[in-house]
PDB file of N, CA and C in Angstrom:
ATOM      1  N   THR A   1    -138.644  86.589 107.512  1.00  0.00           N
ATOM      2  CA  THR A   1    -137.545  85.775 107.043  1.00  0.00           C
ATOM      3  C   THR A   1    -136.960  85.042 108.234  1.00  0.00           C
ATOM      4  N   CYS A   2    -136.697  83.748 108.085  1.00  0.00           N
ATOM      5  CA  CYS A   2    -136.066  82.994 109.159  1.00  0.00           C
ATOM      6  C   CYS A   2    -135.075  82.005 108.560  1.00  0.00           C
ATOM      7  N   GLY A   3    -134.144  81.579 109.368  1.00  0.00           N
ATOM      8  CA  GLY A   3    -133.114  80.655 108.907  1.00  0.00           C
ATOM      9  C   GLY A   3    -133.534  79.208 109.096  1.00  0.00           C
ATOM     10  N   PHE A   4    -133.244  78.389 108.114  1.00  0.00           N
ATOM     11  CA  PHE A   4    -133.439  76.947 108.188  1.00  0.00           C
ATOM     12  C   PHE A   4    -132.082  76.328 108.476  1.00  0.00           C
ATOM     13  N   VAL A   5    -131.923  75.685 109.591  1.00  0.00           N
ATOM     14  CA  VAL A   5    -130.684  74.983 109.887  1.00  0.00           C
ATOM     15  C   VAL A   5    -130.862  73.569 109.343  1.00  0.00           C
ATOM     16  N   PHE A   6    -130.185  73.268 108.250  1.00  0.00           N
ATOM     17  CA  PHE A   6    -130.436  72.015 107.549  1.00  0.00           C
ATOM     18  C   PHE A   6    -130.163  70.782 108.407  1.00  0.00           C
ATOM     19  N   VAL A   7    -129.200  70.829 109.320  1.00  0.00           N
ATOM     20  CA  VAL A   7    -128.931  69.689 110.187  1.00  0.00           C
ATOM     21  C   VAL A   7    -130.108  69.445 111.126  1.00  0.00           C
ATOM     22  N   ALA A   8    -130.805  70.499 111.533  1.00  0.00           N
ATOM     23  CA  ALA A   8    -131.928  70.380 112.467  1.00  0.00           C
ATOM     24  C   ALA A   8    -133.247  70.027 111.775  1.00  0.00           C
ATOM     25  N   ARG A   9    -133.350  70.240 110.490  1.00  0.00           N
ATOM     26  CA  ARG A   9    -134.625  70.048 109.781  1.00  0.00           C
ATOM     27  C   ARG A   9    -135.259  68.688 109.997  1.00  0.00           C
ATOM     28  N   PRO A  10    -134.510  67.570 109.958  1.00  0.00           N
ATOM     29  CA  PRO A  10    -135.181  66.281 110.131  1.00  0.00           C
ATOM     30  C   PRO A  10    -135.752  66.073 111.540  1.00  0.00           C
ATOM     31  N   HIS A  11    -135.392  66.909 112.482  1.00  0.00           N
ATOM     32  CA  HIS A  11    -135.784  66.696 113.878  1.00  0.00           C
ATOM     33  C   HIS A  11    -136.658  67.815 114.440  1.00  0.00           C
ATOM     34  N   THR A  12    -137.188  68.680 113.590  1.00  0.00           N
ATOM     35  CA  THR A  12    -137.983  69.802 114.091  1.00  0.00           C
ATOM     36  C   THR A  12    -139.302  69.926 113.341  1.00  0.00           C
ATOM     37  N   ARG A  13    -140.268  70.507 114.033  1.00  0.00           N
ATOM     38  CA  ARG A  13    -141.532  70.922 113.420  1.00  0.00           C
ATOM     39  C   ARG A  13    -141.630  72.424 113.627  1.00  0.00           C
ATOM     40  N   TRP A  14    -141.890  73.168 112.559  1.00  0.00           N
ATOM     41  CA  TRP A  14    -141.985  74.623 112.612  1.00  0.00           C
ATOM     42  C   TRP A  14    -143.406  75.033 112.255  1.00  0.00           C
ATOM     43  N   VAL A  15    -143.943  75.999 112.986  1.00  0.00           N
ATOM     44  CA  VAL A  15    -145.267  76.545 112.685  1.00  0.00           C
ATOM     45  C   VAL A  15    -145.191  78.058 112.855  1.00  0.00           C
ATOM     46  N   ILE A  16    -145.683  78.788 111.877  1.00  0.00           N
ATOM     47  CA  ILE A  16    -145.769  80.248 111.978  1.00  0.00           C
ATOM     48  C   ILE A  16    -147.247  80.604 112.003  1.00  0.00           C
ATOM     49  N   LYS A  17    -147.621  81.359 113.037  1.00  0.00           N
ATOM     50  CA  LYS A  17    -149.012  81.780 113.224  1.00  0.00           C
ATOM     51  C   LYS A  17    -149.096  83.295 113.207  1.00  0.00           C
ATOM     52  N   ARG A  18    -150.305  83.787 112.965  1.00  0.00           N
ATOM     53  CA  ARG A  18    -150.522  85.228 112.838  1.00  0.00           C
ATOM     54  C   ARG A  18    -151.661  85.664 113.746  1.00  0.00           C
ATOM     55  N   SER A  19    -151.545  86.908 114.278  1.00  0.00           N
ATOM     56  CA  SER A  19    -152.558  87.441 115.191  1.00  0.00           C
ATOM     57  C   SER A  19    -152.716  88.937 114.958  1.00  0.00           C
ATOM     58  N   THR A  20    -153.879  89.453 115.298  1.00  0.00           N
ATOM     59  CA  THR A  20    -154.106  90.900 115.233  1.00  0.00           C
ATOM     60  C   THR A  20    -154.129  91.524 116.624  1.00  0.00           C
ATOM     61  N   ASP A  21    -154.084  90.694 117.689  1.00  0.00           N
ATOM     62  CA  ASP A  21    -154.243  91.260 119.031  1.00  0.00           C
ATOM     63  C   ASP A  21    -153.233  90.758 120.073  1.00  0.00           C
ATOM     64  N   LEU A  22    -152.328  89.883 119.707  1.00  0.00           N
ATOM     65  CA  LEU A  22    -151.346  89.290 120.621  1.00  0.00           C
ATOM     66  C   LEU A  22    -151.976  88.456 121.732  1.00  0.00           C
ATOM     67  N   GLN A  23    -153.274  88.256 121.714  1.00  0.00           N
ATOM     68  CA  GLN A  23    -153.949  87.443 122.722  1.00  0.00           C
ATOM     69  C   GLN A  23    -154.015  85.990 122.283  1.00  0.00           C
ATOM     70  N   SER A  24    -154.330  85.791 121.032  1.00  0.00           N
ATOM     71  CA  SER A  24    -154.407  84.448 120.486  1.00  0.00           C
ATOM     72  C   SER A  24    -153.799  84.475 119.081  1.00  0.00           C
ATOM     73  N   PHE A  25    -153.357  83.338 118.628  1.00  0.00           N
ATOM     74  CA  PHE A  25    -152.776  83.216 117.295  1.00  0.00           C
ATOM     75  C   PHE A  25    -153.542  82.130 116.540  1.00  0.00           C
ATOM     76  N   PRO A  26    -154.756  82.459 116.088  1.00  0.00           N
ATOM     77  CA  PRO A  26    -155.630  81.445 115.495  1.00  0.00           C
ATOM     78  C   PRO A  26    -155.264  81.058 114.057  1.00  0.00           C
ATOM     79  N   GLU A  27    -154.531  81.927 113.382  1.00  0.00           N
ATOM     80  CA  GLU A  27    -154.282  81.696 111.955  1.00  0.00           C
ATOM     81  C   GLU A  27    -152.901  81.089 111.729  1.00  0.00           C
ATOM     82  N   GLN A  28    -152.871  79.833 111.316  1.00  0.00           N
ATOM     83  CA  GLN A  28    -151.603  79.183 110.977  1.00  0.00           C
ATOM     84  C   GLN A  28    -151.311  79.475 109.515  1.00  0.00           C
ATOM     85  N   ILE A  29    -150.173  80.127 109.233  1.00  0.00           N
ATOM     86  CA  ILE A  29    -149.874  80.484 107.854  1.00  0.00           C
ATOM     87  C   ILE A  29    -148.828  79.581 107.212  1.00  0.00           C
ATOM     88  N   PHE A  30    -148.003  78.917 108.031  1.00  0.00           N
ATOM     89  CA  PHE A  30    -146.965  78.044 107.489  1.00  0.00           C
ATOM     90  C   PHE A  30    -146.652  76.948 108.484  1.00  0.00           C
ATOM     91  N   SER A  31    -146.375  75.760 107.976  1.00  0.00           N
ATOM     92  CA  SER A  31    -145.865  74.698 108.840  1.00  0.00           C
ATOM     93  C   SER A  31    -144.869  73.858 108.052  1.00  0.00           C
ATOM     94  N   PHE A  32    -143.880  73.355 108.749  1.00  0.00           N
ATOM     95  CA  PHE A  32    -142.909  72.446 108.166  1.00  0.00           C
ATOM     96  C   PHE A  32    -142.686  71.319 109.150  1.00  0.00           C
ATOM     97  N   ASP A  33    -142.931  70.105 108.720  1.00  0.00           N
ATOM     98  CA  ASP A  33    -142.753  68.932 109.551  1.00  0.00           C
ATOM     99  C   ASP A  33    -141.489  68.223 109.089  1.00  0.00           C
ATOM    100  N   GLY A  34    -140.389  68.470 109.791  1.00  0.00           N
ATOM    101  CA  GLY A  34    -139.095  67.913 109.413  1.00  0.00           C
ATOM    102  C   GLY A  34    -139.040  66.399 109.386  1.00  0.00           C
ATOM    103  N   PRO A  35    -139.609  65.693 110.406  1.00  0.00           N
ATOM    104  CA  PRO A  35    -139.517  64.233 110.390  1.00  0.00           C
ATOM    105  C   PRO A  35    -140.097  63.589 109.129  1.00  0.00           C
ATOM    106  N   ILE A  36    -141.114  64.202 108.522  1.00  0.00           N
ATOM    107  CA  ILE A  36    -141.664  63.641 107.282  1.00  0.00           C
ATOM    108  C   ILE A  36    -141.383  64.543 106.076  1.00  0.00           C
ATOM    109  N   SER A  37    -140.664  65.641 106.303  1.00  0.00           N
ATOM    110  CA  SER A  37    -140.263  66.586 105.258  1.00  0.00           C
ATOM    111  C   SER A  37    -141.444  67.080 104.433  1.00  0.00           C
ATOM    112  N   ALA A  38    -142.490  67.535 105.125  1.00  0.00           N
ATOM    113  CA  ALA A  38    -143.688  68.050 104.461  1.00  0.00           C
ATOM    114  C   ALA A  38    -143.968  69.464 104.963  1.00  0.00           C
ATOM    115  N   SER A  39    -144.382  70.341 104.058  1.00  0.00           N
ATOM    116  CA  SER A  39    -144.715  71.705 104.472  1.00  0.00           C
ATOM    117  C   SER A  39    -146.064  72.094 103.906  1.00  0.00           C
ATOM    118  N   SER A  40    -146.675  73.118 104.531  1.00  0.00           N
ATOM    119  CA  SER A  40    -147.930  73.655 104.026  1.00  0.00           C
ATOM    120  C   SER A  40    -147.897  75.170 104.173  1.00  0.00           C
ATOM    121  N   LEU A  41    -148.568  75.835 103.270  1.00  0.00           N
ATOM    122  CA  LEU A  41    -148.624  77.291 103.240  1.00  0.00           C
ATOM    123  C   LEU A  41    -150.065  77.700 102.994  1.00  0.00           C
ATOM    124  N   ALA A  42    -150.588  78.589 103.841  1.00  0.00           N
ATOM    125  CA  ALA A  42    -151.971  79.045 103.694  1.00  0.00           C
ATOM    126  C   ALA A  42    -152.132  79.881 102.429  1.00  0.00           C
ATOM    127  N   LEU A  43    -153.343  79.935 101.922  1.00  0.00           N
ATOM    128  CA  LEU A  43    -153.643  80.783 100.769  1.00  0.00           C
ATOM    129  C   LEU A  43    -153.393  82.237 101.122  1.00  0.00           C
ATOM    130  N   GLY A  44    -152.904  83.014 100.167  1.00  0.00           N
ATOM    131  CA  GLY A  44    -152.656  84.428 100.390  1.00  0.00           C
ATOM    132  C   GLY A  44    -151.237  84.744 100.812  1.00  0.00           C
ATOM    133  N   TYR A  45    -150.339  83.748 100.745  1.00  0.00           N
ATOM    134  CA  TYR A  45    -148.941  83.934 101.131  1.00  0.00           C
ATOM    135  C   TYR A  45    -148.049  83.335 100.058  1.00  0.00           C
ATOM    136  N   SER A  46    -146.839  83.870  99.957  1.00  0.00           N
ATOM    137  CA  SER A  46    -145.849  83.266  99.071  1.00  0.00           C
ATOM    138  C   SER A  46    -144.645  82.859  99.906  1.00  0.00           C
ATOM    139  N   GLN A  47    -143.889  81.908  99.391  1.00  0.00           N
ATOM    140  CA  GLN A  47    -142.732  81.386 100.108  1.00  0.00           C
ATOM    141  C   GLN A  47    -141.549  81.317  99.150  1.00  0.00           C
ATOM    142  N   THR A  48    -140.370  81.733  99.619  1.00  0.00           N
ATOM    143  CA  THR A  48    -139.142  81.658  98.849  1.00  0.00           C
ATOM    144  C   THR A  48    -138.061  81.076  99.734  1.00  0.00           C
ATOM    145  N   VAL A  49    -137.329  80.109  99.223  1.00  0.00           N
ATOM    146  CA  VAL A  49    -136.198  79.543  99.948  1.00  0.00           C
ATOM    147  C   VAL A  49    -134.946  79.884  99.160  1.00  0.00           C
ATOM    148  N   SER A  50    -133.976  80.471  99.863  1.00  0.00           N
ATOM    149  CA  SER A  50    -132.712  80.835  99.249  1.00  0.00           C
ATOM    150  C   SER A  50    -131.594  80.412 100.188  1.00  0.00           C
ATOM    151  N   GLY A  51    -130.862  79.376  99.809  1.00  0.00           N
ATOM    152  CA  GLY A  51    -129.829  78.847 100.698  1.00  0.00           C
ATOM    153  C   GLY A  51    -130.478  78.304 101.952  1.00  0.00           C
ATOM    154  N   ASP A  52    -130.113  78.871 103.104  1.00  0.00           N
ATOM    155  CA  ASP A  52    -130.704  78.402 104.359  1.00  0.00           C
ATOM    156  C   ASP A  52    -131.725  79.394 104.918  1.00  0.00           C
ATOM    157  N   MET A  53    -132.235  80.300 104.071  1.00  0.00           N
ATOM    158  CA  MET A  53    -133.216  81.292 104.506  1.00  0.00           C
ATOM    159  C   MET A  53    -134.583  81.011 103.883  1.00  0.00           C
ATOM    160  N   LEU A  54    -135.601  81.149 104.705  1.00  0.00           N
ATOM    161  CA  LEU A  54    -136.981  80.989 104.274  1.00  0.00           C
ATOM    162  C   LEU A  54    -137.670  82.332 104.422  1.00  0.00           C
ATOM    163  N   ARG A  55    -138.296  82.812 103.363  1.00  0.00           N
ATOM    164  CA  ARG A  55    -139.012  84.092 103.409  1.00  0.00           C
ATOM    165  C   ARG A  55    -140.475  83.855 103.075  1.00  0.00           C
ATOM    166  N   LEU A  56    -141.344  84.311 103.975  1.00  0.00           N
ATOM    167  CA  LEU A  56    -142.788  84.253 103.761  1.00  0.00           C
ATOM    168  C   LEU A  56    -143.286  85.674 103.566  1.00  0.00           C
ATOM    169  N   ARG A  57    -144.218  85.842 102.659  1.00  0.00           N
ATOM    170  CA  ARG A  57    -144.724  87.181 102.372  1.00  0.00           C
ATOM    171  C   ARG A  57    -146.241  87.143 102.256  1.00  0.00           C
ATOM    172  N   ASP A  58    -146.898  88.120 102.905  1.00  0.00           N
ATOM    173  CA  ASP A  58    -148.349  88.285 102.760  1.00  0.00           C
ATOM    174  C   ASP A  58    -148.626  88.856 101.374  1.00  0.00           C
ATOM    175  N   LEU A  59    -149.600  88.285 100.692  1.00  0.00           N
ATOM    176  CA  LEU A  59    -149.960  88.794  99.371  1.00  0.00           C
ATOM    177  C   LEU A  59    -151.143  89.749  99.429  1.00  0.00           C
ATOM    178  N   ALA A  60    -151.993  89.565 100.437  1.00  0.00           N
ATOM    179  CA  ALA A  60    -153.198  90.392 100.548  1.00  0.00           C
ATOM    180  C   ALA A  60    -152.957  91.556 101.506  1.00  0.00           C
ATOM    181  N   PRO A  61    -153.736  92.638 101.418  1.00  0.00           N
ATOM    182  CA  PRO A  61    -153.620  93.718 102.403  1.00  0.00           C
ATOM    183  C   PRO A  61    -153.926  93.178 103.808  1.00  0.00           C
ATOM    184  N   ASN A  62    -153.229  93.690 104.789  1.00  0.00           N
ATOM    185  CA  ASN A  62    -153.381  93.234 106.169  1.00  0.00           C
ATOM    186  C   ASN A  62    -154.024  94.304 107.038  1.00  0.00           C
ATOM    187  N   PRO A  63    -154.594  93.899 108.166  1.00  0.00           N
ATOM    188  CA  PRO A  63    -155.063  94.894 109.143  1.00  0.00           C
ATOM    189  C   PRO A  63    -153.879  95.732 109.621  1.00  0.00           C
ATOM    190  N   PRO A  64    -154.120  96.905 110.206  1.00  0.00           N
ATOM    191  CA  PRO A  64    -153.024  97.790 110.613  1.00  0.00           C
ATOM    192  C   PRO A  64    -152.076  97.167 111.639  1.00  0.00           C
ATOM    193  N   LYS A  65    -152.578  96.281 112.498  1.00  0.00           N
ATOM    194  CA  LYS A  65    -151.729  95.630 113.491  1.00  0.00           C
ATOM    195  C   LYS A  65    -151.664  94.143 113.176  1.00  0.00           C
ATOM    196  N   MET A  66    -150.462  93.639 112.959  1.00  0.00           N
ATOM    197  CA  MET A  66    -150.288  92.230 112.651  1.00  0.00           C
ATOM    198  C   MET A  66    -149.055  91.722 113.382  1.00  0.00           C
ATOM    199  N   PHE A  67    -149.196  90.565 114.042  1.00  0.00           N
ATOM    200  CA  PHE A  67    -148.118  89.971 114.814  1.00  0.00           C
ATOM    201  C   PHE A  67    -147.932  88.532 114.357  1.00  0.00           C
ATOM    202  N   TYR A  68    -146.689  88.080 114.354  1.00  0.00           N
ATOM    203  CA  TYR A  68    -146.369  86.727 113.925  1.00  0.00           C
ATOM    204  C   TYR A  68    -145.634  85.997 115.047  1.00  0.00           C
ATOM    205  N   ARG A  69    -145.872  84.694 115.146  1.00  0.00           N
ATOM    206  CA  ARG A  69    -145.191  83.892 116.161  1.00  0.00           C
ATOM    207  C   ARG A  69    -144.652  82.623 115.495  1.00  0.00           C
ATOM    208  N   LEU A  70    -143.384  82.327 115.764  1.00  0.00           N
ATOM    209  CA  LEU A  70    -142.744  81.111 115.279  1.00  0.00           C
ATOM    210  C   LEU A  70    -142.691  80.119 116.426  1.00  0.00           C
ATOM    211  N   GLU A  71    -143.235  78.932 116.196  1.00  0.00           N
ATOM    212  CA  GLU A  71    -143.165  77.851 117.181  1.00  0.00           C
ATOM    213  C   GLU A  71    -142.281  76.751 116.587  1.00  0.00           C
ATOM    214  N   VAL A  72    -141.312  76.310 117.365  1.00  0.00           N
ATOM    215  CA  VAL A  72    -140.421  75.234 116.919  1.00  0.00           C
ATOM    216  C   VAL A  72    -140.448  74.137 117.968  1.00  0.00           C
ATOM    217  N   GLU A  73    -140.713  72.924 117.514  1.00  0.00           N
ATOM    218  CA  GLU A  73    -140.798  71.772 118.415  1.00  0.00           C
ATOM    219  C   GLU A  73    -139.724  70.765 118.024  1.00  0.00           C
ATOM    220  N   LEU A  74    -138.889  70.396 118.978  1.00  0.00           N
ATOM    221  CA  LEU A  74    -137.856  69.391 118.744  1.00  0.00           C
ATOM    222  C   LEU A  74    -138.501  68.017 118.772  1.00  0.00           C
ATOM    223  N   SER A  75    -138.187  67.193 117.776  1.00  0.00           N
ATOM    224  CA  SER A  75    -138.740  65.849 117.688  1.00  0.00           C
ATOM    225  C   SER A  75    -137.608  64.876 117.388  1.00  0.00           C
ATOM    226  N   PRO A  76    -136.780  64.561 118.403  1.00  0.00           N
ATOM    227  CA  PRO A  76    -135.586  63.734 118.144  1.00  0.00           C
ATOM    228  C   PRO A  76    -135.911  62.295 117.770  1.00  0.00           C
TER     229      PRO A  76
END
């Protein structure tokens, strides 16, 4: 779960990636491109927006070790 700051949305790009080893994050599971207001969600995940909160959930069973990384890029 992460917060969406609505004032910042038009100027940010968000990407959430997943890894099993913390060495690399090859799997992009979510992206939101604020400047064009477009998002994408990988298969096997669900997304819920409630107010200013975004919740992503894995639908499939996961390996025992799973790590997530949020990347945010300012695009003024």
